[in-house]
Amino acid sequence: MTSSSTLFRKLNLAFIIGGLVWAALQTYIIHSFGFDWYIAGLDSMVSAVPLAAACWLIDNNLRYYQPGKGSYINLFIWCVVLAGACTLAVRWALPFLSVGDTYIAFLKQSLIIRLFTNFLAIGWMAMISLVWYVQQDQKENEKRKAEAEQLARDAELYNLRQQLQPHFLFNSLNSINALIGFKPDEARRMIHQLSDFLRGTLKKDDQQQVSLSEELQHLNLYLDIEKVRFGHRLQTEISCDDKCRQAMLPPLLLQPIVENAIKFGLYDTTGEVTISVRAETEDNYLLVMVQNPYDPQTSRPRHGTGFGIRGIQRRLYLLFARNDLVETYQNDDIFTIMIKIPQV
């Protein structure tokens, strides 16, 4: 059973209990005027039927139609009309039940009070129903808005990932094309490594988060491909403790960062370059730091950090709604990027 149907049953139960309490109170009041319990109960039962029908009618209408700001007067008029109809129904029905002349006189004298109490009951029902259904509509609207925003975020995340994968694929294919002519064995090796990398990428498409250990295994496939491209010039250092390896992060997060480090570390130099990846946990965060050397005379990281870092910033914002999870530094010809992954 859904929560909405359970809630609807509870509301119906509250409505029935409220009606019984109202009828019991009316029975006691009429009995206090000197009439026996039979007549008091009969009056209460006959009065409760049209009143319950009027309350149900006003509640059912407000369930499907909420008046606008300028239409509340119409709701007031409807409450008055229904209260009058309930009073007339009682005035018409009770004399046919052989309740005696004394009671008939009492009934006629109490019509104004009955009209007022019926209006009070129907008005309270209208006000409670109006507030309740307006709140329900607001909750439904907020839910639909949240779902629409989630779909938009998912679509943008998917689009980012689809941009990252061809971005890497085209670079790798260009490298394979360059190796085919004079290093065919390395080109074949690179094709196999690229196949393994892309196969792993497809497996991660439906995963929300992966452990750092899995992410590093995938990253090593990428680094193996790049080492075929750059040979001995590319050196890597990856360090993290066992506790860090169990930390969770979005899949395929590190590869574009390391690709960016390789781009600015190796493209403008001819010597060996070491790319370091270090991870640690701190205050319920996974901190991952990627460093690469760069030549400030030929590359300008602060002006052109590449699609990789921009994509990572946008992706983390969509996932965690925070803009402070990516930081970059330049110091002593070393470019550093630090990402923080909240551990939920």
C-alpha atoms as a PDB file:
ATOM      1  CA  MET A   1       0.000   0.000   0.000  1.00  0.00           C
ATOM      2  CA  THR A   2       1.349   3.381  -0.953  1.00  0.00           C
ATOM      3  CA  SER A   3       1.855   6.176   1.547  1.00  0.00           C
ATOM      4  CA  SER A   4      -0.777   8.350  -0.218  1.00  0.00           C
ATOM      5  CA  SER A   5      -3.498   5.697   0.118  1.00  0.00           C
ATOM      6  CA  THR A   6      -2.582   5.152   3.767  1.00  0.00           C
ATOM      7  CA  LEU A   7      -2.804   8.878   4.386  1.00  0.00           C
ATOM      8  CA  PHE A   8      -6.186   9.018   2.620  1.00  0.00           C
ATOM      9  CA  ARG A   9      -7.512   6.269   4.889  1.00  0.00           C
ATOM     10  CA  LYS A  10      -6.320   8.158   7.951  1.00  0.00           C
ATOM     11  CA  LEU A  11      -8.069  11.315   6.751  1.00  0.00           C
ATOM     12  CA  ASN A  12     -11.326   9.406   6.229  1.00  0.00           C
ATOM     13  CA  LEU A  13     -11.011   7.917   9.694  1.00  0.00           C
ATOM     14  CA  ALA A  14     -10.442  11.371  11.179  1.00  0.00           C
ATOM     15  CA  PHE A  15     -13.496  12.649   9.287  1.00  0.00           C
ATOM     16  CA  ILE A  16     -15.685   9.829  10.682  1.00  0.00           C
ATOM     17  CA  ILE A  17     -14.426  10.331  14.232  1.00  0.00           C
ATOM     18  CA  GLY A  18     -15.029  14.076  13.971  1.00  0.00           C
ATOM     19  CA  GLY A  19     -18.583  13.460  12.759  1.00  0.00           C
ATOM     20  CA  LEU A  20     -19.313  11.076  15.626  1.00  0.00           C
ATOM     21  CA  VAL A  21     -17.962  13.554  18.172  1.00  0.00           C
ATOM     22  CA  TRP A  22     -20.077  16.329  16.633  1.00  0.00           C
ATOM     23  CA  ALA A  23     -23.212  14.118  16.740  1.00  0.00           C
ATOM     24  CA  ALA A  24     -22.543  13.076  20.348  1.00  0.00           C
ATOM     25  CA  LEU A  25     -22.101  16.699  21.396  1.00  0.00           C
ATOM     26  CA  GLN A  26     -25.333  17.738  19.657  1.00  0.00           C
ATOM     27  CA  THR A  27     -27.183  14.850  21.367  1.00  0.00           C
ATOM     28  CA  TYR A  28     -25.969  15.978  24.784  1.00  0.00           C
ATOM     29  CA  ILE A  29     -26.904  19.645  24.156  1.00  0.00           C
ATOM     30  CA  ILE A  30     -30.457  18.789  23.040  1.00  0.00           C
ATOM     31  CA  HIS A  31     -30.886  16.428  26.002  1.00  0.00           C
ATOM     32  CA  SER A  32     -29.805  19.270  28.290  1.00  0.00           C
ATOM     33  CA  PHE A  33     -32.887  21.234  27.114  1.00  0.00           C
ATOM     34  CA  GLY A  34     -35.154  18.604  28.744  1.00  0.00           C
ATOM     35  CA  PHE A  35     -35.770  16.209  25.862  1.00  0.00           C
ATOM     36  CA  ASP A  36     -35.243  12.477  26.333  1.00  0.00           C
ATOM     37  CA  TRP A  37     -32.235  10.666  24.883  1.00  0.00           C
ATOM     38  CA  TYR A  38     -34.302   9.132  22.061  1.00  0.00           C
ATOM     39  CA  ILE A  39     -35.424  12.474  20.643  1.00  0.00           C
ATOM     40  CA  ALA A  40     -31.959  13.989  21.200  1.00  0.00           C
ATOM     41  CA  GLY A  41     -30.287  11.096  19.401  1.00  0.00           C
ATOM     42  CA  LEU A  42     -32.851  11.181  16.589  1.00  0.00           C
ATOM     43  CA  ASP A  43     -32.262  14.912  16.082  1.00  0.00           C
ATOM     44  CA  SER A  44     -28.526  14.371  16.047  1.00  0.00           C
ATOM     45  CA  MET A  45     -28.718  11.527  13.511  1.00  0.00           C
ATOM     46  CA  VAL A  46     -31.046  13.378  11.137  1.00  0.00           C
ATOM     47  CA  SER A  47     -28.913  16.538  11.384  1.00  0.00           C
ATOM     48  CA  ALA A  48     -25.629  14.645  10.847  1.00  0.00           C
ATOM     49  CA  VAL A  49     -26.623  13.081   7.503  1.00  0.00           C
ATOM     50  CA  PRO A  50     -27.024  16.289   5.410  1.00  0.00           C
ATOM     51  CA  LEU A  51     -24.153  17.954   7.270  1.00  0.00           C
ATOM     52  CA  ALA A  52     -21.846  15.015   6.467  1.00  0.00           C
ATOM     53  CA  ALA A  53     -22.966  15.136   2.824  1.00  0.00           C
ATOM     54  CA  ALA A  54     -22.261  18.886   2.653  1.00  0.00           C
ATOM     55  CA  CYS A  55     -18.792  18.444   4.215  1.00  0.00           C
ATOM     56  CA  TRP A  56     -18.011  15.613   1.813  1.00  0.00           C
ATOM     57  CA  LEU A  57     -19.174  17.719  -1.139  1.00  0.00           C
ATOM     58  CA  ILE A  58     -17.034  20.728  -0.185  1.00  0.00           C
ATOM     59  CA  ASP A  59     -14.010  18.518   0.496  1.00  0.00           C
ATOM     60  CA  ASN A  60     -14.381  16.612  -2.758  1.00  0.00           C
ATOM     61  CA  ASN A  61     -14.657  19.809  -4.785  1.00  0.00           C
ATOM     62  CA  LEU A  62     -11.602  21.373  -3.149  1.00  0.00           C
ATOM     63  CA  ARG A  63      -9.615  18.214  -3.842  1.00  0.00           C
ATOM     64  CA  TYR A  64      -9.822  18.886  -7.577  1.00  0.00           C
ATOM     65  CA  TYR A  65     -10.295  22.644  -7.656  1.00  0.00           C
ATOM     66  CA  GLN A  66      -8.618  25.292  -5.496  1.00  0.00           C
ATOM     67  CA  PRO A  67     -10.148  28.752  -5.842  1.00  0.00           C
ATOM     68  CA  GLY A  68      -7.912  31.616  -6.882  1.00  0.00           C
ATOM     69  CA  LYS A  69      -7.165  34.646  -4.760  1.00  0.00           C
ATOM     70  CA  GLY A  70     -10.243  36.457  -6.070  1.00  0.00           C
ATOM     71  CA  SER A  71     -12.576  33.465  -5.745  1.00  0.00           C
ATOM     72  CA  TYR A  72     -12.703  32.964  -1.981  1.00  0.00           C
ATOM     73  CA  ILE A  73     -16.014  34.830  -1.865  1.00  0.00           C
ATOM     74  CA  ASN A  74     -17.488  32.054  -3.999  1.00  0.00           C
ATOM     75  CA  LEU A  75     -16.313  29.509  -1.455  1.00  0.00           C
ATOM     76  CA  PHE A  76     -17.945  31.550   1.327  1.00  0.00           C
ATOM     77  CA  ILE A  77     -21.225  31.679  -0.598  1.00  0.00           C
ATOM     78  CA  TRP A  78     -21.124  27.926  -1.158  1.00  0.00           C
ATOM     79  CA  CYS A  79     -20.647  27.351   2.571  1.00  0.00           C
ATOM     80  CA  VAL A  80     -23.662  29.567   3.341  1.00  0.00           C
ATOM     81  CA  VAL A  81     -25.809  27.809   0.715  1.00  0.00           C
ATOM     82  CA  LEU A  82     -24.865  24.342   1.966  1.00  0.00           C
ATOM     83  CA  ALA A  83     -25.477  25.355   5.583  1.00  0.00           C
ATOM     84  CA  GLY A  84     -28.926  26.653   4.597  1.00  0.00           C
ATOM     85  CA  ALA A  85     -29.679  23.432   2.696  1.00  0.00           C
ATOM     86  CA  CYS A  86     -28.720  21.312   5.708  1.00  0.00           C
ATOM     87  CA  THR A  87     -30.919  23.426   8.003  1.00  0.00           C
ATOM     88  CA  LEU A  88     -33.913  23.188   5.649  1.00  0.00           C
ATOM     89  CA  ALA A  89     -33.446  19.421   5.311  1.00  0.00           C
ATOM     90  CA  VAL A  90     -33.608  19.024   9.094  1.00  0.00           C
ATOM     91  CA  ARG A  91     -36.583  21.408   9.316  1.00  0.00           C
ATOM     92  CA  TRP A  92     -38.410  19.382   6.697  1.00  0.00           C
ATOM     93  CA  ALA A  93     -37.512  15.844   7.864  1.00  0.00           C
ATOM     94  CA  LEU A  94     -37.846  15.905  11.671  1.00  0.00           C
ATOM     95  CA  PRO A  95     -41.585  16.789  11.879  1.00  0.00           C
ATOM     96  CA  PHE A  96     -42.410  13.571   9.979  1.00  0.00           C
ATOM     97  CA  LEU A  97     -40.884  11.443  12.768  1.00  0.00           C
ATOM     98  CA  SER A  98     -43.613  12.021  15.410  1.00  0.00           C
ATOM     99  CA  VAL A  99     -41.392  13.907  17.834  1.00  0.00           C
ATOM    100  CA  GLY A 100     -44.189  15.945  19.469  1.00  0.00           C
ATOM    101  CA  ASP A 101     -45.357  19.523  19.362  1.00  0.00           C
ATOM    102  CA  THR A 102     -42.992  20.699  22.077  1.00  0.00           C
ATOM    103  CA  TYR A 103     -40.006  19.512  20.106  1.00  0.00           C
ATOM    104  CA  ILE A 104     -41.394  20.973  16.848  1.00  0.00           C
ATOM    105  CA  ALA A 105     -41.598  24.375  18.564  1.00  0.00           C
ATOM    106  CA  PHE A 106     -38.047  23.963  19.850  1.00  0.00           C
ATOM    107  CA  LEU A 107     -36.901  22.998  16.346  1.00  0.00           C
ATOM    108  CA  LYS A 108     -38.367  26.144  14.793  1.00  0.00           C
ATOM    109  CA  GLN A 109     -36.825  28.376  17.459  1.00  0.00           C
ATOM    110  CA  SER A 110     -33.378  26.795  16.997  1.00  0.00           C
ATOM    111  CA  LEU A 111     -33.170  27.152  13.206  1.00  0.00           C
ATOM    112  CA  ILE A 112     -30.942  30.245  13.343  1.00  0.00           C
ATOM    113  CA  ILE A 113     -28.546  28.517  15.740  1.00  0.00           C
ATOM    114  CA  ARG A 114     -28.581  25.403  13.565  1.00  0.00           C
ATOM    115  CA  LEU A 115     -27.817  27.499  10.488  1.00  0.00           C
ATOM    116  CA  PHE A 116     -24.873  29.111  12.270  1.00  0.00           C
ATOM    117  CA  THR A 117     -23.471  25.818  13.612  1.00  0.00           C
ATOM    118  CA  ASN A 118     -23.856  24.141  10.203  1.00  0.00           C
ATOM    119  CA  PHE A 119     -22.066  27.058   8.564  1.00  0.00           C
ATOM    120  CA  LEU A 120     -19.338  26.816  11.219  1.00  0.00           C
ATOM    121  CA  ALA A 121     -18.842  23.087  10.611  1.00  0.00           C
ATOM    122  CA  ILE A 122     -18.876  23.384   6.826  1.00  0.00           C
ATOM    123  CA  GLY A 123     -16.604  26.455   6.948  1.00  0.00           C
ATOM    124  CA  TRP A 124     -14.070  24.647   9.112  1.00  0.00           C
ATOM    125  CA  MET A 125     -14.193  21.690   6.731  1.00  0.00           C
ATOM    126  CA  ALA A 126     -13.659  24.016   3.757  1.00  0.00           C
ATOM    127  CA  MET A 127     -10.742  25.808   5.421  1.00  0.00           C
ATOM    128  CA  ILE A 128      -9.015  22.601   6.522  1.00  0.00           C
ATOM    129  CA  SER A 129      -9.520  20.991   3.095  1.00  0.00           C
ATOM    130  CA  LEU A 130      -8.289  24.106   1.292  1.00  0.00           C
ATOM    131  CA  VAL A 131      -5.099  24.328   3.368  1.00  0.00           C
ATOM    132  CA  TRP A 132      -4.501  20.581   3.126  1.00  0.00           C
ATOM    133  CA  TYR A 133      -4.899  20.282  -0.646  1.00  0.00           C
ATOM    134  CA  VAL A 134      -2.891  23.449  -1.320  1.00  0.00           C
ATOM    135  CA  GLN A 135      -0.029  21.953   0.697  1.00  0.00           C
ATOM    136  CA  GLN A 136      -0.378  18.653  -1.172  1.00  0.00           C
ATOM    137  CA  ASP A 137      -0.240  20.483  -4.511  1.00  0.00           C
ATOM    138  CA  GLN A 138       2.848  22.384  -3.397  1.00  0.00           C
ATOM    139  CA  LYS A 139       4.525  19.140  -2.363  1.00  0.00           C
ATOM    140  CA  GLU A 140       3.662  17.547  -5.706  1.00  0.00           C
ATOM    141  CA  ASN A 141       4.973  20.593  -7.567  1.00  0.00           C
ATOM    142  CA  GLU A 142       8.202  20.524  -5.556  1.00  0.00           C
ATOM    143  CA  LYS A 143       8.540  16.798  -6.212  1.00  0.00           C
ATOM    144  CA  ARG A 144       8.033  17.278  -9.959  1.00  0.00           C
ATOM    145  CA  LYS A 145      10.481  20.179  -9.956  1.00  0.00           C
ATOM    146  CA  ALA A 146      13.076  18.091  -8.092  1.00  0.00           C
ATOM    147  CA  GLU A 147      12.586  15.200 -10.518  1.00  0.00           C
ATOM    148  CA  ALA A 148      12.925  17.549 -13.499  1.00  0.00           C
ATOM    149  CA  GLU A 149      16.106  19.040 -12.030  1.00  0.00           C
ATOM    150  CA  GLN A 150      17.471  15.554 -11.363  1.00  0.00           C
ATOM    151  CA  LEU A 151      16.763  14.522 -14.951  1.00  0.00           C
ATOM    152  CA  ALA A 152      18.491  17.679 -16.177  1.00  0.00           C
ATOM    153  CA  ARG A 153      21.524  16.981 -13.961  1.00  0.00           C
ATOM    154  CA  ASP A 154      21.673  13.365 -15.137  1.00  0.00           C
ATOM    155  CA  ALA A 155      21.462  14.473 -18.755  1.00  0.00           C
ATOM    156  CA  GLU A 156      24.245  17.019 -18.287  1.00  0.00           C
ATOM    157  CA  LEU A 157      26.426  14.493 -16.442  1.00  0.00           C
ATOM    158  CA  TYR A 158      25.867  12.014 -19.246  1.00  0.00           C
ATOM    159  CA  ASN A 159      26.752  14.672 -21.790  1.00  0.00           C
ATOM    160  CA  LEU A 160      29.959  15.515 -19.907  1.00  0.00           C
ATOM    161  CA  ARG A 161      31.003  11.878 -19.815  1.00  0.00           C
ATOM    162  CA  GLN A 162      30.191  11.434 -23.488  1.00  0.00           C
ATOM    163  CA  GLN A 163      32.443  14.404 -24.249  1.00  0.00           C
ATOM    164  CA  LEU A 164      35.277  13.067 -22.096  1.00  0.00           C
ATOM    165  CA  GLN A 165      35.373   9.636 -23.709  1.00  0.00           C
ATOM    166  CA  PRO A 166      35.703  10.748 -27.367  1.00  0.00           C
ATOM    167  CA  HIS A 167      38.175  13.417 -26.228  1.00  0.00           C
ATOM    168  CA  PHE A 168      40.485  10.688 -24.944  1.00  0.00           C
ATOM    169  CA  LEU A 169      39.656   8.289 -27.765  1.00  0.00           C
ATOM    170  CA  PHE A 170      40.650  10.720 -30.510  1.00  0.00           C
ATOM    171  CA  ASN A 171      43.986  11.424 -28.816  1.00  0.00           C
ATOM    172  CA  SER A 172      44.686   7.714 -28.481  1.00  0.00           C
ATOM    173  CA  LEU A 173      43.787   6.999 -32.113  1.00  0.00           C
ATOM    174  CA  ASN A 174      46.096   9.770 -33.253  1.00  0.00           C
ATOM    175  CA  SER A 175      48.893   8.227 -31.195  1.00  0.00           C
ATOM    176  CA  ILE A 176      48.213   4.769 -32.635  1.00  0.00           C
ATOM    177  CA  ASN A 177      48.275   6.239 -36.123  1.00  0.00           C
ATOM    178  CA  ALA A 178      51.680   7.811 -35.372  1.00  0.00           C
ATOM    179  CA  LEU A 179      53.084   4.493 -34.089  1.00  0.00           C
ATOM    180  CA  ILE A 180      51.851   2.248 -36.899  1.00  0.00           C
ATOM    181  CA  GLY A 181      54.554   3.263 -39.335  1.00  0.00           C
ATOM    182  CA  PHE A 182      57.707   2.789 -37.251  1.00  0.00           C
ATOM    183  CA  LYS A 183      56.550   0.890 -34.121  1.00  0.00           C
ATOM    184  CA  PRO A 184      53.821  -1.524 -35.255  1.00  0.00           C
ATOM    185  CA  ASP A 185      54.240  -3.811 -32.197  1.00  0.00           C
ATOM    186  CA  GLU A 186      53.668  -0.920 -29.825  1.00  0.00           C
ATOM    187  CA  ALA A 187      50.716   0.228 -31.925  1.00  0.00           C
ATOM    188  CA  ARG A 188      49.096  -3.229 -31.578  1.00  0.00           C
ATOM    189  CA  ARG A 189      49.826  -3.215 -27.863  1.00  0.00           C
ATOM    190  CA  MET A 190      48.247   0.192 -27.548  1.00  0.00           C
ATOM    191  CA  ILE A 191      45.126  -0.988 -29.416  1.00  0.00           C
ATOM    192  CA  HIS A 192      44.708  -3.866 -26.933  1.00  0.00           C
ATOM    193  CA  GLN A 193      45.175  -1.496 -24.001  1.00  0.00           C
ATOM    194  CA  LEU A 194      42.690   0.962 -25.478  1.00  0.00           C
ATOM    195  CA  SER A 195      40.191  -1.861 -25.911  1.00  0.00           C
ATOM    196  CA  ASP A 196      40.574  -2.871 -22.246  1.00  0.00           C
ATOM    197  CA  PHE A 197      40.210   0.747 -21.159  1.00  0.00           C
ATOM    198  CA  LEU A 198      37.042   1.360 -23.170  1.00  0.00           C
ATOM    199  CA  ARG A 199      35.557  -1.955 -22.021  1.00  0.00           C
ATOM    200  CA  GLY A 200      36.077  -0.871 -18.420  1.00  0.00           C
ATOM    201  CA  THR A 201      34.544   2.513 -19.210  1.00  0.00           C
ATOM    202  CA  LEU A 202      31.368   0.897 -20.532  1.00  0.00           C
ATOM    203  CA  LYS A 203      31.049  -1.234 -17.394  1.00  0.00           C
ATOM    204  CA  LYS A 204      31.109   1.909 -15.250  1.00  0.00           C
ATOM    205  CA  ASP A 205      28.350   3.722 -17.132  1.00  0.00           C
ATOM    206  CA  ASP A 206      25.578   2.712 -14.701  1.00  0.00           C
ATOM    207  CA  GLN A 207      27.605   3.044 -11.485  1.00  0.00           C
ATOM    208  CA  GLN A 208      26.959   6.017  -9.220  1.00  0.00           C
ATOM    209  CA  GLN A 209      30.242   5.707  -7.326  1.00  0.00           C
ATOM    210  CA  VAL A 210      33.242   3.397  -7.251  1.00  0.00           C
ATOM    211  CA  SER A 211      36.006   2.821  -4.752  1.00  0.00           C
ATOM    212  CA  LEU A 212      39.325   4.597  -5.176  1.00  0.00           C
ATOM    213  CA  SER A 213      40.937   1.200  -5.674  1.00  0.00           C
ATOM    214  CA  GLU A 214      38.730   0.520  -8.736  1.00  0.00           C
ATOM    215  CA  GLU A 215      39.316   4.028 -10.052  1.00  0.00           C
ATOM    216  CA  LEU A 216      43.093   3.612  -9.775  1.00  0.00           C
ATOM    217  CA  GLN A 217      42.963   0.277 -11.595  1.00  0.00           C
ATOM    218  CA  HIS A 218      41.153   2.003 -14.444  1.00  0.00           C
ATOM    219  CA  LEU A 219      43.577   4.909 -14.307  1.00  0.00           C
ATOM    220  CA  ASN A 220      46.517   2.524 -14.661  1.00  0.00           C
ATOM    221  CA  LEU A 221      45.018   1.229 -17.934  1.00  0.00           C
ATOM    222  CA  TYR A 222      45.010   4.790 -19.207  1.00  0.00           C
ATOM    223  CA  LEU A 223      48.580   5.391 -18.033  1.00  0.00           C
ATOM    224  CA  ASP A 224      49.743   2.214 -19.768  1.00  0.00           C
ATOM    225  CA  ILE A 225      48.392   3.646 -23.034  1.00  0.00           C
ATOM    226  CA  GLU A 226      50.101   6.982 -22.466  1.00  0.00           C
ATOM    227  CA  LYS A 227      53.398   5.295 -21.608  1.00  0.00           C
ATOM    228  CA  VAL A 228      53.313   3.616 -24.998  1.00  0.00           C
ATOM    229  CA  ARG A 229      52.959   7.083 -26.535  1.00  0.00           C
ATOM    230  CA  PHE A 230      55.681   8.801 -24.522  1.00  0.00           C
ATOM    231  CA  GLY A 231      57.953   5.888 -23.570  1.00  0.00           C
ATOM    232  CA  HIS A 232      60.500   6.554 -20.828  1.00  0.00           C
ATOM    233  CA  ARG A 233      59.616  10.265 -20.746  1.00  0.00           C
ATOM    234  CA  LEU A 234      56.451   9.605 -18.720  1.00  0.00           C
ATOM    235  CA  GLN A 235      56.960   8.503 -15.120  1.00  0.00           C
ATOM    236  CA  THR A 236      54.138   8.172 -12.591  1.00  0.00           C
ATOM    237  CA  GLU A 237      53.945   8.008  -8.808  1.00  0.00           C
ATOM    238  CA  ILE A 238      50.698   6.863  -7.207  1.00  0.00           C
ATOM    239  CA  SER A 239      50.461   6.732  -3.421  1.00  0.00           C
ATOM    240  CA  CYS A 240      47.540   6.088  -1.088  1.00  0.00           C
ATOM    241  CA  ASP A 241      47.014   4.001   2.019  1.00  0.00           C
ATOM    242  CA  ASP A 242      44.615   1.079   2.448  1.00  0.00           C
ATOM    243  CA  LYS A 243      42.000   3.301   4.120  1.00  0.00           C
ATOM    244  CA  CYS A 244      41.924   5.624   1.112  1.00  0.00           C
ATOM    245  CA  ARG A 245      41.430   2.742  -1.273  1.00  0.00           C
ATOM    246  CA  GLN A 246      38.000   2.053   0.249  1.00  0.00           C
ATOM    247  CA  ALA A 247      36.832   5.665  -0.156  1.00  0.00           C
ATOM    248  CA  MET A 248      34.171   6.306  -2.793  1.00  0.00           C
ATOM    249  CA  LEU A 249      34.189   8.749  -5.679  1.00  0.00           C
ATOM    250  CA  PRO A 250      32.365   9.232  -9.017  1.00  0.00           C
ATOM    251  CA  PRO A 251      33.705   6.881 -11.718  1.00  0.00           C
ATOM    252  CA  LEU A 252      36.130   8.139 -14.384  1.00  0.00           C
ATOM    253  CA  LEU A 253      36.959  11.226 -12.347  1.00  0.00           C
ATOM    254  CA  LEU A 254      40.764  10.974 -12.245  1.00  0.00           C
ATOM    255  CA  GLN A 255      41.515  10.140 -15.892  1.00  0.00           C
ATOM    256  CA  PRO A 256      40.747  13.614 -17.344  1.00  0.00           C
ATOM    257  CA  ILE A 257      42.739  15.227 -14.509  1.00  0.00           C
ATOM    258  CA  VAL A 258      45.773  13.069 -15.199  1.00  0.00           C
ATOM    259  CA  GLU A 259      45.320  13.629 -18.944  1.00  0.00           C
ATOM    260  CA  ASN A 260      45.428  17.360 -18.278  1.00  0.00           C
ATOM    261  CA  ALA A 261      48.620  16.895 -16.208  1.00  0.00           C
ATOM    262  CA  ILE A 262      50.246  14.940 -19.034  1.00  0.00           C
ATOM    263  CA  LYS A 263      49.233  17.569 -21.558  1.00  0.00           C
ATOM    264  CA  PHE A 264      50.853  20.440 -19.670  1.00  0.00           C
ATOM    265  CA  GLY A 265      53.721  18.350 -18.335  1.00  0.00           C
ATOM    266  CA  LEU A 266      54.993  16.613 -21.457  1.00  0.00           C
ATOM    267  CA  TYR A 267      53.795  18.467 -24.539  1.00  0.00           C
ATOM    268  CA  ASP A 268      56.181  21.415 -24.070  1.00  0.00           C
ATOM    269  CA  THR A 269      59.218  19.525 -22.757  1.00  0.00           C
ATOM    270  CA  THR A 270      61.630  16.930 -24.104  1.00  0.00           C
ATOM    271  CA  GLY A 271      62.947  15.378 -20.901  1.00  0.00           C
ATOM    272  CA  GLU A 272      61.481  12.981 -18.376  1.00  0.00           C
ATOM    273  CA  VAL A 273      58.413  14.148 -16.488  1.00  0.00           C
ATOM    274  CA  THR A 274      56.922  12.633 -13.334  1.00  0.00           C
ATOM    275  CA  ILE A 275      53.166  12.835 -12.740  1.00  0.00           C
ATOM    276  CA  SER A 276      52.270  12.195  -9.110  1.00  0.00           C
ATOM    277  CA  VAL A 277      48.877  11.160  -7.737  1.00  0.00           C
ATOM    278  CA  ARG A 278      48.446  11.189  -3.960  1.00  0.00           C
ATOM    279  CA  ALA A 279      45.307  10.439  -1.974  1.00  0.00           C
ATOM    280  CA  GLU A 280      44.378  10.745   1.680  1.00  0.00           C
ATOM    281  CA  THR A 281      41.280  11.042   3.846  1.00  0.00           C
ATOM    282  CA  GLU A 282      40.601  14.049   6.043  1.00  0.00           C
ATOM    283  CA  ASP A 283      37.453  15.162   7.914  1.00  0.00           C
ATOM    284  CA  ASN A 284      35.097  12.884   5.992  1.00  0.00           C
ATOM    285  CA  TYR A 285      36.625  13.886   2.657  1.00  0.00           C
ATOM    286  CA  LEU A 286      38.722  11.987   0.158  1.00  0.00           C
ATOM    287  CA  LEU A 287      41.498  14.325  -0.981  1.00  0.00           C
ATOM    288  CA  VAL A 288      43.229  13.538  -4.265  1.00  0.00           C
ATOM    289  CA  MET A 289      46.161  15.661  -5.395  1.00  0.00           C
ATOM    290  CA  VAL A 290      47.637  15.454  -8.902  1.00  0.00           C
ATOM    291  CA  GLN A 291      50.904  17.278  -9.631  1.00  0.00           C
ATOM    292  CA  ASN A 292      52.876  17.821 -12.791  1.00  0.00           C
ATOM    293  CA  PRO A 293      55.816  20.068 -13.722  1.00  0.00           C
ATOM    294  CA  TYR A 294      55.253  22.711 -16.373  1.00  0.00           C
ATOM    295  CA  ASP A 295      57.221  25.373 -18.156  1.00  0.00           C
ATOM    296  CA  PRO A 296      55.662  28.776 -17.373  1.00  0.00           C
ATOM    297  CA  GLN A 297      57.290  30.203 -20.509  1.00  0.00           C
ATOM    298  CA  THR A 298      55.428  27.899 -22.891  1.00  0.00           C
ATOM    299  CA  SER A 299      52.297  26.825 -21.014  1.00  0.00           C
ATOM    300  CA  ARG A 300      49.798  28.819 -18.972  1.00  0.00           C
ATOM    301  CA  PRO A 301      47.744  26.519 -16.734  1.00  0.00           C
ATOM    302  CA  ARG A 302      45.886  29.325 -15.007  1.00  0.00           C
ATOM    303  CA  HIS A 303      44.471  30.487 -18.338  1.00  0.00           C
ATOM    304  CA  GLY A 304      43.935  27.185 -20.072  1.00  0.00           C
ATOM    305  CA  THR A 305      43.301  24.215 -17.821  1.00  0.00           C
ATOM    306  CA  GLY A 306      41.634  22.232 -20.598  1.00  0.00           C
ATOM    307  CA  PHE A 307      38.235  20.592 -20.922  1.00  0.00           C
ATOM    308  CA  GLY A 308      39.215  17.966 -18.325  1.00  0.00           C
ATOM    309  CA  ILE A 309      39.353  20.256 -15.299  1.00  0.00           C
ATOM    310  CA  ARG A 310      36.358  22.322 -16.403  1.00  0.00           C
ATOM    311  CA  GLY A 311      34.384  19.130 -16.911  1.00  0.00           C
ATOM    312  CA  ILE A 312      35.395  17.841 -13.477  1.00  0.00           C
ATOM    313  CA  GLN A 313      34.370  21.107 -11.810  1.00  0.00           C
ATOM    314  CA  ARG A 314      30.989  21.018 -13.484  1.00  0.00           C
ATOM    315  CA  ARG A 315      30.458  17.338 -12.738  1.00  0.00           C
ATOM    316  CA  LEU A 316      31.246  17.715  -9.027  1.00  0.00           C
ATOM    317  CA  TYR A 317      28.931  20.704  -8.818  1.00  0.00           C
ATOM    318  CA  LEU A 318      26.085  18.707 -10.358  1.00  0.00           C
ATOM    319  CA  LEU A 319      26.687  15.789  -7.994  1.00  0.00           C
ATOM    320  CA  PHE A 320      27.294  17.683  -4.734  1.00  0.00           C
ATOM    321  CA  ALA A 321      25.965  21.225  -5.428  1.00  0.00           C
ATOM    322  CA  ARG A 322      29.283  22.743  -4.335  1.00  0.00           C
ATOM    323  CA  ASN A 323      31.820  24.911  -6.151  1.00  0.00           C
ATOM    324  CA  ASP A 324      34.676  24.484  -3.665  1.00  0.00           C
ATOM    325  CA  LEU A 325      35.659  20.879  -4.417  1.00  0.00           C
ATOM    326  CA  VAL A 326      38.360  21.668  -7.020  1.00  0.00           C
ATOM    327  CA  GLU A 327      41.416  23.826  -6.295  1.00  0.00           C
ATOM    328  CA  THR A 328      44.507  24.525  -8.409  1.00  0.00           C
ATOM    329  CA  TYR A 329      47.917  25.910  -7.471  1.00  0.00           C
ATOM    330  CA  GLN A 330      51.121  26.878  -9.296  1.00  0.00           C
ATOM    331  CA  ASN A 331      54.348  26.918  -7.297  1.00  0.00           C
ATOM    332  CA  ASP A 332      57.990  26.418  -8.330  1.00  0.00           C
ATOM    333  CA  ASP A 333      57.035  25.317 -11.840  1.00  0.00           C
ATOM    334  CA  ILE A 334      54.724  22.649 -10.365  1.00  0.00           C
ATOM    335  CA  PHE A 335      51.061  22.678 -11.234  1.00  0.00           C
ATOM    336  CA  THR A 336      48.790  21.068  -8.594  1.00  0.00           C
ATOM    337  CA  ILE A 337      45.125  20.218  -8.717  1.00  0.00           C
ATOM    338  CA  MET A 338      43.326  19.157  -5.534  1.00  0.00           C
ATOM    339  CA  ILE A 339      39.888  17.604  -5.537  1.00  0.00           C
ATOM    340  CA  LYS A 340      37.781  16.876  -2.455  1.00  0.00           C
ATOM    341  CA  ILE A 341      35.142  14.139  -2.563  1.00  0.00           C
ATOM    342  CA  PRO A 342      32.616  14.179   0.310  1.00  0.00           C
ATOM    343  CA  GLN A 343      32.177  10.754   1.842  1.00  0.00           C
ATOM    344  CA  VAL A 344      28.442  10.367   2.498  1.00  0.00           C
END
